[in-house]
Amino acid sequence: RLCAEAIKEHGSLNTDGKSSVSYGVLFDKTANTLEALNGTLRAAKRQKKVIAFDGELLMMPRDKDVQVVLLEA
C-alpha cells in the first residue's frame, strides 16, 4: 500500500490515465521508508498484479528512467 501511495504522490498520470513514476524518483523518495523497495515492487508485480514495469529486477542507476505504473487506482 505504501508503494502505491508513493507512486501516486511522486508520479503523474500517463497517456492511459494511470499513475506512473520513474524508478529513480521512486527510489529517491522512498529510500528511508521502503528499505526493501525491490522486493516490494517484485511482489506487487508478480503476485498482486498491482504495478507494471519492464524487466524483472530494477537496479539503480541502470534503471532510473524505467517507468513504474500503478495498475489499480
PDB file of N, CA and C in Angstrom:
ATOM      1  N   ARG A   1       0.815  -1.200   0.000  1.00  0.00           N
ATOM      2  CA  ARG A   1       0.000   0.000   0.000  1.00  0.00           C
ATOM      3  C   ARG A   1       0.854   1.258   0.000  1.00  0.00           C
ATOM      4  N   LEU A   2       1.954   1.234   0.759  1.00  0.00           N
ATOM      5  CA  LEU A   2       2.860   2.383   0.775  1.00  0.00           C
ATOM      6  C   LEU A   2       3.454   2.645  -0.600  1.00  0.00           C
ATOM      7  N   CYS A   3       3.738   1.582  -1.306  1.00  0.00           N
ATOM      8  CA  CYS A   3       4.308   1.712  -2.645  1.00  0.00           C
ATOM      9  C   CYS A   3       3.311   2.393  -3.585  1.00  0.00           C
ATOM     10  N   ALA A   4       2.066   1.969  -3.546  1.00  0.00           N
ATOM     11  CA  ALA A   4       1.028   2.573  -4.389  1.00  0.00           C
ATOM     12  C   ALA A   4       0.847   4.047  -4.047  1.00  0.00           C
ATOM     13  N   GLU A   5       0.861   4.372  -2.771  1.00  0.00           N
ATOM     14  CA  GLU A   5       0.722   5.766  -2.352  1.00  0.00           C
ATOM     15  C   GLU A   5       1.902   6.602  -2.836  1.00  0.00           C
ATOM     16  N   ALA A   6       3.102   6.036  -2.785  1.00  0.00           N
ATOM     17  CA  ALA A   6       4.294   6.753  -3.244  1.00  0.00           C
ATOM     18  C   ALA A   6       4.236   7.002  -4.748  1.00  0.00           C
ATOM     19  N   ILE A   7       3.754   6.032  -5.511  1.00  0.00           N
ATOM     20  CA  ILE A   7       3.630   6.211  -6.966  1.00  0.00           C
ATOM     21  C   ILE A   7       2.642   7.334  -7.265  1.00  0.00           C
ATOM     22  N   LYS A   8       1.526   7.355  -6.565  1.00  0.00           N
ATOM     23  CA  LYS A   8       0.534   8.420  -6.773  1.00  0.00           C
ATOM     24  C   LYS A   8       1.095   9.785  -6.379  1.00  0.00           C
ATOM     25  N   GLU A   9       1.778   9.823  -5.240  1.00  0.00           N
ATOM     26  CA  GLU A   9       2.282  11.093  -4.714  1.00  0.00           C
ATOM     27  C   GLU A   9       3.401  11.690  -5.564  1.00  0.00           C
ATOM     28  N   HIS A  10       4.323  10.866  -6.023  1.00  0.00           N
ATOM     29  CA  HIS A  10       5.510  11.371  -6.708  1.00  0.00           C
ATOM     30  C   HIS A  10       5.451  11.232  -8.228  1.00  0.00           C
ATOM     31  N   GLY A  11       4.414  10.578  -8.729  1.00  0.00           N
ATOM     32  CA  GLY A  11       4.291  10.372 -10.166  1.00  0.00           C
ATOM     33  C   GLY A  11       3.282  11.303 -10.799  1.00  0.00           C
ATOM     34  N   SER A  12       2.907  10.968 -12.011  1.00  0.00           N
ATOM     35  CA  SER A  12       1.893  11.725 -12.745  1.00  0.00           C
ATOM     36  C   SER A  12       1.097  10.736 -13.582  1.00  0.00           C
ATOM     37  N   LEU A  13       0.003  11.207 -14.163  1.00  0.00           N
ATOM     38  CA  LEU A  13      -0.821  10.331 -14.988  1.00  0.00           C
ATOM     39  C   LEU A  13      -0.176  10.151 -16.355  1.00  0.00           C
ATOM     40  N   ASN A  14      -0.127   8.904 -16.822  1.00  0.00           N
ATOM     41  CA  ASN A  14       0.422   8.638 -18.150  1.00  0.00           C
ATOM     42  C   ASN A  14      -0.690   8.756 -19.189  1.00  0.00           C
ATOM     43  N   THR A  15      -0.410   8.416 -20.429  1.00  0.00           N
ATOM     44  CA  THR A  15      -1.396   8.561 -21.503  1.00  0.00           C
ATOM     45  C   THR A  15      -2.595   7.636 -21.329  1.00  0.00           C
ATOM     46  N   ASP A  16      -2.446   6.576 -20.536  1.00  0.00           N
ATOM     47  CA  ASP A  16      -3.559   5.664 -20.251  1.00  0.00           C
ATOM     48  C   ASP A  16      -4.360   6.100 -19.032  1.00  0.00           C
ATOM     49  N   GLY A  17      -3.974   7.222 -18.422  1.00  0.00           N
ATOM     50  CA  GLY A  17      -4.669   7.712 -17.240  1.00  0.00           C
ATOM     51  C   GLY A  17      -4.269   6.998 -15.958  1.00  0.00           C
ATOM     52  N   LYS A  18      -3.144   6.295 -15.985  1.00  0.00           N
ATOM     53  CA  LYS A  18      -2.663   5.575 -14.805  1.00  0.00           C
ATOM     54  C   LYS A  18      -1.478   6.324 -14.202  1.00  0.00           C
ATOM     55  N   SER A  19      -1.346   6.254 -12.880  1.00  0.00           N
ATOM     56  CA  SER A  19      -0.218   6.891 -12.205  1.00  0.00           C
ATOM     57  C   SER A  19       1.069   6.185 -12.581  1.00  0.00           C
ATOM     58  N   SER A  20       2.095   6.970 -12.878  1.00  0.00           N
ATOM     59  CA  SER A  20       3.379   6.429 -13.312  1.00  0.00           C
ATOM     60  C   SER A  20       4.500   7.303 -12.763  1.00  0.00           C
ATOM     61  N   VAL A  21       5.602   6.668 -12.371  1.00  0.00           N
ATOM     62  CA  VAL A  21       6.760   7.397 -11.856  1.00  0.00           C
ATOM     63  C   VAL A  21       8.014   6.649 -12.285  1.00  0.00           C
ATOM     64  N   SER A  22       9.098   7.378 -12.526  1.00  0.00           N
ATOM     65  CA  SER A  22      10.341   6.697 -12.881  1.00  0.00           C
ATOM     66  C   SER A  22      10.897   6.001 -11.645  1.00  0.00           C
ATOM     67  N   TYR A  23      11.598   4.902 -11.877  1.00  0.00           N
ATOM     68  CA  TYR A  23      12.186   4.150 -10.773  1.00  0.00           C
ATOM     69  C   TYR A  23      13.166   5.021  -9.988  1.00  0.00           C
ATOM     70  N   GLY A  24      13.905   5.879 -10.675  1.00  0.00           N
ATOM     71  CA  GLY A  24      14.860   6.756  -9.997  1.00  0.00           C
ATOM     72  C   GLY A  24      14.191   7.669  -8.995  1.00  0.00           C
ATOM     73  N   VAL A  25      13.082   8.286  -9.380  1.00  0.00           N
ATOM     74  CA  VAL A  25      12.339   9.161  -8.472  1.00  0.00           C
ATOM     75  C   VAL A  25      11.762   8.342  -7.324  1.00  0.00           C
ATOM     76  N   LEU A  26      11.150   7.210  -7.643  1.00  0.00           N
ATOM     77  CA  LEU A  26      10.567   6.358  -6.606  1.00  0.00           C
ATOM     78  C   LEU A  26      11.642   5.907  -5.619  1.00  0.00           C
ATOM     79  N   PHE A  27      12.793   5.519  -6.123  1.00  0.00           N
ATOM     80  CA  PHE A  27      13.907   5.088  -5.279  1.00  0.00           C
ATOM     81  C   PHE A  27      14.342   6.219  -4.350  1.00  0.00           C
ATOM     82  N   ASP A  28      14.541   7.406  -4.909  1.00  0.00           N
ATOM     83  CA  ASP A  28      14.990   8.549  -4.108  1.00  0.00           C
ATOM     84  C   ASP A  28      13.972   8.951  -3.052  1.00  0.00           C
ATOM     85  N   LYS A  29      12.699   8.968  -3.410  1.00  0.00           N
ATOM     86  CA  LYS A  29      11.657   9.447  -2.499  1.00  0.00           C
ATOM     87  C   LYS A  29      11.292   8.444  -1.414  1.00  0.00           C
ATOM     88  N   THR A  30      11.558   7.154  -1.649  1.00  0.00           N
ATOM     89  CA  THR A  30      11.142   6.138  -0.673  1.00  0.00           C
ATOM     90  C   THR A  30      12.313   5.430  -0.001  1.00  0.00           C
ATOM     91  N   ALA A  31      13.534   5.903  -0.217  1.00  0.00           N
ATOM     92  CA  ALA A  31      14.719   5.218   0.320  1.00  0.00           C
ATOM     93  C   ALA A  31      14.639   5.021   1.831  1.00  0.00           C
ATOM     94  N   ASN A  32      14.120   5.992   2.552  1.00  0.00           N
ATOM     95  CA  ASN A  32      14.042   5.882   4.007  1.00  0.00           C
ATOM     96  C   ASN A  32      12.796   5.142   4.473  1.00  0.00           C
ATOM     97  N   THR A  33      11.781   5.067   3.642  1.00  0.00           N
ATOM     98  CA  THR A  33      10.513   4.449   4.022  1.00  0.00           C
ATOM     99  C   THR A  33      10.439   2.988   3.615  1.00  0.00           C
ATOM    100  N   LEU A  34      10.771   2.707   2.382  1.00  0.00           N
ATOM    101  CA  LEU A  34      10.689   1.344   1.852  1.00  0.00           C
ATOM    102  C   LEU A  34      12.095   0.789   1.644  1.00  0.00           C
ATOM    103  N   GLU A  35      12.676   0.264   2.709  1.00  0.00           N
ATOM    104  CA  GLU A  35      14.051  -0.236   2.633  1.00  0.00           C
ATOM    105  C   GLU A  35      14.191  -1.353   1.609  1.00  0.00           C
ATOM    106  N   ALA A  36      13.193  -2.188   1.478  1.00  0.00           N
ATOM    107  CA  ALA A  36      13.234  -3.313   0.546  1.00  0.00           C
ATOM    108  C   ALA A  36      12.380  -3.002  -0.680  1.00  0.00           C
ATOM    109  N   LEU A  37      12.661  -1.873  -1.326  1.00  0.00           N
ATOM    110  CA  LEU A  37      11.847  -1.418  -2.457  1.00  0.00           C
ATOM    111  C   LEU A  37      11.774  -2.460  -3.561  1.00  0.00           C
ATOM    112  N   ASN A  38      12.892  -3.068  -3.920  1.00  0.00           N
ATOM    113  CA  ASN A  38      12.873  -4.053  -4.999  1.00  0.00           C
ATOM    114  C   ASN A  38      11.998  -5.246  -4.667  1.00  0.00           C
ATOM    115  N   GLY A  39      12.068  -5.743  -3.452  1.00  0.00           N
ATOM    116  CA  GLY A  39      11.220  -6.864  -3.043  1.00  0.00           C
ATOM    117  C   GLY A  39       9.754  -6.487  -3.082  1.00  0.00           C
ATOM    118  N   THR A  40       9.454  -5.272  -2.643  1.00  0.00           N
ATOM    119  CA  THR A  40       8.080  -4.776  -2.657  1.00  0.00           C
ATOM    120  C   THR A  40       7.566  -4.667  -4.089  1.00  0.00           C
ATOM    121  N   LEU A  41       8.388  -4.126  -4.978  1.00  0.00           N
ATOM    122  CA  LEU A  41       7.984  -3.973  -6.377  1.00  0.00           C
ATOM    123  C   LEU A  41       7.783  -5.326  -7.050  1.00  0.00           C
ATOM    124  N   ARG A  42       8.692  -6.258  -6.810  1.00  0.00           N
ATOM    125  CA  ARG A  42       8.573  -7.589  -7.430  1.00  0.00           C
ATOM    126  C   ARG A  42       7.311  -8.300  -6.968  1.00  0.00           C
ATOM    127  N   ALA A  43       7.012  -8.232  -5.674  1.00  0.00           N
ATOM    128  CA  ALA A  43       5.807  -8.881  -5.150  1.00  0.00           C
ATOM    129  C   ALA A  43       4.555  -8.221  -5.713  1.00  0.00           C
ATOM    130  N   ALA A  44       4.555  -6.896  -5.788  1.00  0.00           N
ATOM    131  CA  ALA A  44       3.393  -6.176  -6.309  1.00  0.00           C
ATOM    132  C   ALA A  44       3.174  -6.478  -7.786  1.00  0.00           C
ATOM    133  N   LYS A  45       4.246  -6.718  -8.514  1.00  0.00           N
ATOM    134  CA  LYS A  45       4.134  -7.026  -9.941  1.00  0.00           C
ATOM    135  C   LYS A  45       3.721  -8.477 -10.160  1.00  0.00           C
ATOM    136  N   ARG A  46       4.398  -9.403  -9.513  1.00  0.00           N
ATOM    137  CA  ARG A  46       4.186 -10.837  -9.761  1.00  0.00           C
ATOM    138  C   ARG A  46       2.932 -11.396  -9.109  1.00  0.00           C
ATOM    139  N   GLN A  47       2.783 -11.172  -7.833  1.00  0.00           N
ATOM    140  CA  GLN A  47       1.712 -11.821  -7.081  1.00  0.00           C
ATOM    141  C   GLN A  47       0.413 -11.036  -7.094  1.00  0.00           C
ATOM    142  N   LYS A  48       0.520  -9.754  -6.940  1.00  0.00           N
ATOM    143  CA  LYS A  48      -0.690  -8.951  -6.774  1.00  0.00           C
ATOM    144  C   LYS A  48      -1.133  -8.246  -8.044  1.00  0.00           C
ATOM    145  N   LYS A  49      -0.241  -8.171  -9.035  1.00  0.00           N
ATOM    146  CA  LYS A  49      -0.552  -7.513 -10.309  1.00  0.00           C
ATOM    147  C   LYS A  49      -1.055  -6.078 -10.102  1.00  0.00           C
ATOM    148  N   VAL A  50      -0.417  -5.372  -9.164  1.00  0.00           N
ATOM    149  CA  VAL A  50      -0.807  -4.015  -8.817  1.00  0.00           C
ATOM    150  C   VAL A  50      -0.011  -2.989  -9.616  1.00  0.00           C
ATOM    151  N   ILE A  51       1.213  -3.361  -9.984  1.00  0.00           N
ATOM    152  CA  ILE A  51       2.065  -2.454 -10.745  1.00  0.00           C
ATOM    153  C   ILE A  51       2.636  -3.175 -11.958  1.00  0.00           C
ATOM    154  N   ALA A  52       3.194  -2.377 -12.870  1.00  0.00           N
ATOM    155  CA  ALA A  52       3.854  -2.939 -14.052  1.00  0.00           C
ATOM    156  C   ALA A  52       5.124  -2.141 -14.317  1.00  0.00           C
ATOM    157  N   PHE A  53       6.155  -2.832 -14.779  1.00  0.00           N
ATOM    158  CA  PHE A  53       7.379  -2.193 -15.241  1.00  0.00           C
ATOM    159  C   PHE A  53       8.108  -3.178 -16.131  1.00  0.00           C
ATOM    160  N   ASP A  54       8.944  -2.658 -17.016  1.00  0.00           N
ATOM    161  CA  ASP A  54       9.723  -3.513 -17.911  1.00  0.00           C
ATOM    162  C   ASP A  54      10.856  -4.159 -17.133  1.00  0.00           C
ATOM    163  N   GLY A  55      11.042  -5.453 -17.332  1.00  0.00           N
ATOM    164  CA  GLY A  55      12.120  -6.172 -16.669  1.00  0.00           C
ATOM    165  C   GLY A  55      11.642  -6.922 -15.442  1.00  0.00           C
ATOM    166  N   GLU A  56      12.567  -7.635 -14.832  1.00  0.00           N
ATOM    167  CA  GLU A  56      12.256  -8.420 -13.633  1.00  0.00           C
ATOM    168  C   GLU A  56      12.722  -7.732 -12.367  1.00  0.00           C
ATOM    169  N   LEU A  57      13.910  -7.124 -12.431  1.00  0.00           N
ATOM    170  CA  LEU A  57      14.524  -6.518 -11.258  1.00  0.00           C
ATOM    171  C   LEU A  57      15.086  -5.166 -11.655  1.00  0.00           C
ATOM    172  N   LEU A  58      14.698  -4.129 -10.952  1.00  0.00           N
ATOM    173  CA  LEU A  58      15.178  -2.787 -11.259  1.00  0.00           C
ATOM    174  C   LEU A  58      16.379  -2.457 -10.382  1.00  0.00           C
ATOM    175  N   MET A  59      17.394  -1.867 -10.997  1.00  0.00           N
ATOM    176  CA  MET A  59      18.618  -1.517 -10.280  1.00  0.00           C
ATOM    177  C   MET A  59      18.999  -0.071 -10.576  1.00  0.00           C
ATOM    178  N   MET A  60      19.474   0.605  -9.548  1.00  0.00           N
ATOM    179  CA  MET A  60      19.993   1.958  -9.720  1.00  0.00           C
ATOM    180  C   MET A  60      21.479   1.849 -10.021  1.00  0.00           C
ATOM    181  N   PRO A  61      22.053   2.685 -10.851  1.00  0.00           N
ATOM    182  CA  PRO A  61      21.418   3.744 -11.635  1.00  0.00           C
ATOM    183  C   PRO A  61      20.934   3.273 -13.005  1.00  0.00           C
ATOM    184  N   ARG A  62      21.200   2.019 -13.340  1.00  0.00           N
ATOM    185  CA  ARG A  62      20.868   1.498 -14.676  1.00  0.00           C
ATOM    186  C   ARG A  62      19.413   1.748 -15.066  1.00  0.00           C
ATOM    187  N   ASP A  63      18.471   1.505 -14.166  1.00  0.00           N
ATOM    188  CA  ASP A  63      17.044   1.554 -14.496  1.00  0.00           C
ATOM    189  C   ASP A  63      16.340   2.804 -13.981  1.00  0.00           C
ATOM    190  N   LYS A  64      17.090   3.865 -13.727  1.00  0.00           N
ATOM    191  CA  LYS A  64      16.485   5.047 -13.113  1.00  0.00           C
ATOM    192  C   LYS A  64      15.364   5.659 -13.946  1.00  0.00           C
ATOM    193  N   ASP A  65      15.356   5.443 -15.261  1.00  0.00           N
ATOM    194  CA  ASP A  65      14.331   6.032 -16.127  1.00  0.00           C
ATOM    195  C   ASP A  65      13.182   5.080 -16.460  1.00  0.00           C
ATOM    196  N   VAL A  66      13.230   3.849 -15.969  1.00  0.00           N
ATOM    197  CA  VAL A  66      12.154   2.878 -16.215  1.00  0.00           C
ATOM    198  C   VAL A  66      10.902   3.337 -15.472  1.00  0.00           C
ATOM    199  N   GLN A  67       9.769   3.345 -16.171  1.00  0.00           N
ATOM    200  CA  GLN A  67       8.516   3.768 -15.561  1.00  0.00           C
ATOM    201  C   GLN A  67       7.879   2.633 -14.764  1.00  0.00           C
ATOM    202  N   VAL A  68       7.461   2.950 -13.536  1.00  0.00           N
ATOM    203  CA  VAL A  68       6.721   2.026 -12.684  1.00  0.00           C
ATOM    204  C   VAL A  68       5.280   2.522 -12.704  1.00  0.00           C
ATOM    205  N   VAL A  69       4.354   1.693 -13.200  1.00  0.00           N
ATOM    206  CA  VAL A  69       2.970   2.102 -13.432  1.00  0.00           C
ATOM    207  C   VAL A  69       2.050   1.415 -12.438  1.00  0.00           C
ATOM    208  N   LEU A  70       1.211   2.195 -11.783  1.00  0.00           N
ATOM    209  CA  LEU A  70       0.207   1.676 -10.866  1.00  0.00           C
ATOM    210  C   LEU A  70      -0.999   1.245 -11.691  1.00  0.00           C
ATOM    211  N   LEU A  71      -1.357  -0.037 -11.640  1.00  0.00           N
ATOM    212  CA  LEU A  71      -2.444  -0.564 -12.467  1.00  0.00           C
ATOM    213  C   LEU A  71      -3.816  -0.359 -11.848  1.00  0.00           C
ATOM    214  N   GLU A  72      -3.876  -0.250 -10.532  1.00  0.00           N
ATOM    215  CA  GLU A  72      -5.147  -0.044  -9.837  1.00  0.00           C
ATOM    216  C   GLU A  72      -5.158   1.342  -9.223  1.00  0.00           C
ATOM    217  N   ALA A  73      -6.325   1.935  -9.156  1.00  0.00           N
ATOM    218  CA  ALA A  73      -6.439   3.280  -8.574  1.00  0.00           C
ATOM    219  C   ALA A  73      -6.360   3.256  -7.078  1.00  0.00           C
TER     220      ALA A  73
END
